[in-house]
Amino acid sequence: MRNPPVHKMTIPREVWVGEGILEKVPEMCETLKIRGDVLIISGSTKTRKIAAKVEDSFARKGIPVELVTVNEASEEEVEKALT
């Protein structure tokens, strides 16, 4: 696997912390002007529970969301999730 070329990223200047933050993810996306359907890719252990909470927060807002569980953190797994 080759390294990607050098590129510039603009990182948001907002940092959200605190209790109940998972329920605020849809609001964060709205603030950053991120729109459209949501795909959450998660592992099958601890991150799955967190991802399910985020999935619920989008669903409660009526935002189409799909949660896909992968076996490992790899490009191949992500490609499978996207198809």
Protein backbone atom coordinates (compact mmCIF):
# COMPACT_ATOMS: atom_id res chain seq x y z
CA MET A 1 0.00 0.00 0.00
CA ARG A 2 1.39 3.40 -1.01
CA ASN A 3 1.23 6.45 1.19
CA PRO A 4 -1.19 9.13 -0.03
CA PRO A 5 0.32 12.30 -1.50
CA VAL A 6 0.85 15.30 0.73
CA HIS A 7 -2.42 17.15 1.21
CA LYS A 8 -3.87 19.93 3.30
CA MET A 9 -6.70 19.44 5.78
CA THR A 10 -8.70 22.13 7.49
CA ILE A 11 -9.47 20.89 10.97
CA PRO A 12 -12.58 22.24 12.71
CA ARG A 13 -11.80 24.64 15.52
CA GLU A 14 -14.54 23.33 17.74
CA VAL A 15 -13.91 20.73 20.40
CA TRP A 16 -16.97 19.27 22.10
CA VAL A 17 -16.57 17.43 25.40
CA GLY A 18 -18.79 16.37 28.26
CA GLU A 19 -21.48 14.04 29.42
CA GLY A 20 -24.02 13.11 26.76
CA ILE A 21 -21.70 13.98 23.89
CA LEU A 22 -22.74 10.98 21.78
CA GLU A 23 -26.27 12.35 21.53
CA LYS A 24 -24.83 15.64 20.22
CA VAL A 25 -23.06 14.15 17.17
CA PRO A 26 -25.92 15.08 14.76
CA GLU A 27 -25.79 18.66 16.05
CA MET A 28 -22.00 18.70 15.54
CA CYS A 29 -22.44 17.58 11.94
CA GLU A 30 -25.06 20.27 11.40
CA THR A 31 -22.72 22.94 12.81
CA LEU A 32 -19.94 21.77 10.46
CA LYS A 33 -22.40 21.80 7.53
CA ILE A 34 -22.06 18.04 7.03
CA ARG A 35 -25.27 16.83 5.40
CA GLY A 36 -26.69 13.67 3.89
CA ASP A 37 -27.07 10.06 4.85
CA VAL A 38 -24.76 8.70 7.54
CA LEU A 39 -22.62 5.57 7.44
CA ILE A 40 -21.02 4.52 10.73
CA ILE A 41 -18.28 1.89 10.48
CA SER A 42 -17.46 0.20 13.77
CA GLY A 43 -15.53 -2.66 15.25
CA SER A 44 -17.36 -5.53 16.88
CA THR A 45 -16.37 -4.98 20.51
CA LYS A 46 -16.31 -1.81 22.63
CA THR A 47 -16.71 0.59 19.73
CA ARG A 48 -19.90 -1.20 18.62
CA LYS A 49 -21.76 -0.01 21.73
CA ILE A 50 -20.59 3.57 21.19
CA ALA A 51 -21.49 3.43 17.49
CA ALA A 52 -24.98 2.15 18.35
CA LYS A 53 -25.55 5.16 20.61
CA VAL A 54 -24.46 7.53 17.83
CA GLU A 55 -26.68 5.64 15.37
CA ASP A 56 -29.65 6.14 17.71
CA SER A 57 -28.95 9.86 18.01
CA PHE A 58 -29.11 10.27 14.21
CA ALA A 59 -32.21 8.09 13.94
CA ARG A 60 -34.04 10.17 16.57
CA LYS A 61 -33.36 13.25 14.42
CA GLY A 62 -34.81 11.47 11.37
CA ILE A 63 -31.44 11.35 9.61
CA PRO A 64 -30.91 8.20 7.50
CA VAL A 65 -28.14 6.17 9.13
CA GLU A 66 -26.57 2.76 8.62
CA LEU A 67 -24.24 1.01 11.06
CA VAL A 68 -21.80 -1.53 9.63
CA THR A 69 -19.60 -3.73 11.81
CA VAL A 70 -16.17 -4.75 10.49
CA ASN A 71 -13.76 -7.39 11.73
CA GLU A 72 -10.59 -5.31 11.54
CA ALA A 73 -9.42 -1.76 10.84
CA SER A 74 -8.26 -2.08 7.25
CA GLU A 75 -8.92 -0.50 3.88
CA GLU A 76 -10.31 -3.82 2.66
CA GLU A 77 -12.93 -3.88 5.43
CA VAL A 78 -13.94 -0.29 4.72
CA GLU A 79 -14.25 -1.05 1.00
CA LYS A 80 -16.52 -4.00 1.84
CA ALA A 81 -18.64 -1.76 4.07
CA LEU A 82 -19.05 0.77 1.27
CA THR A 83 -20.39 -1.78 -1.22
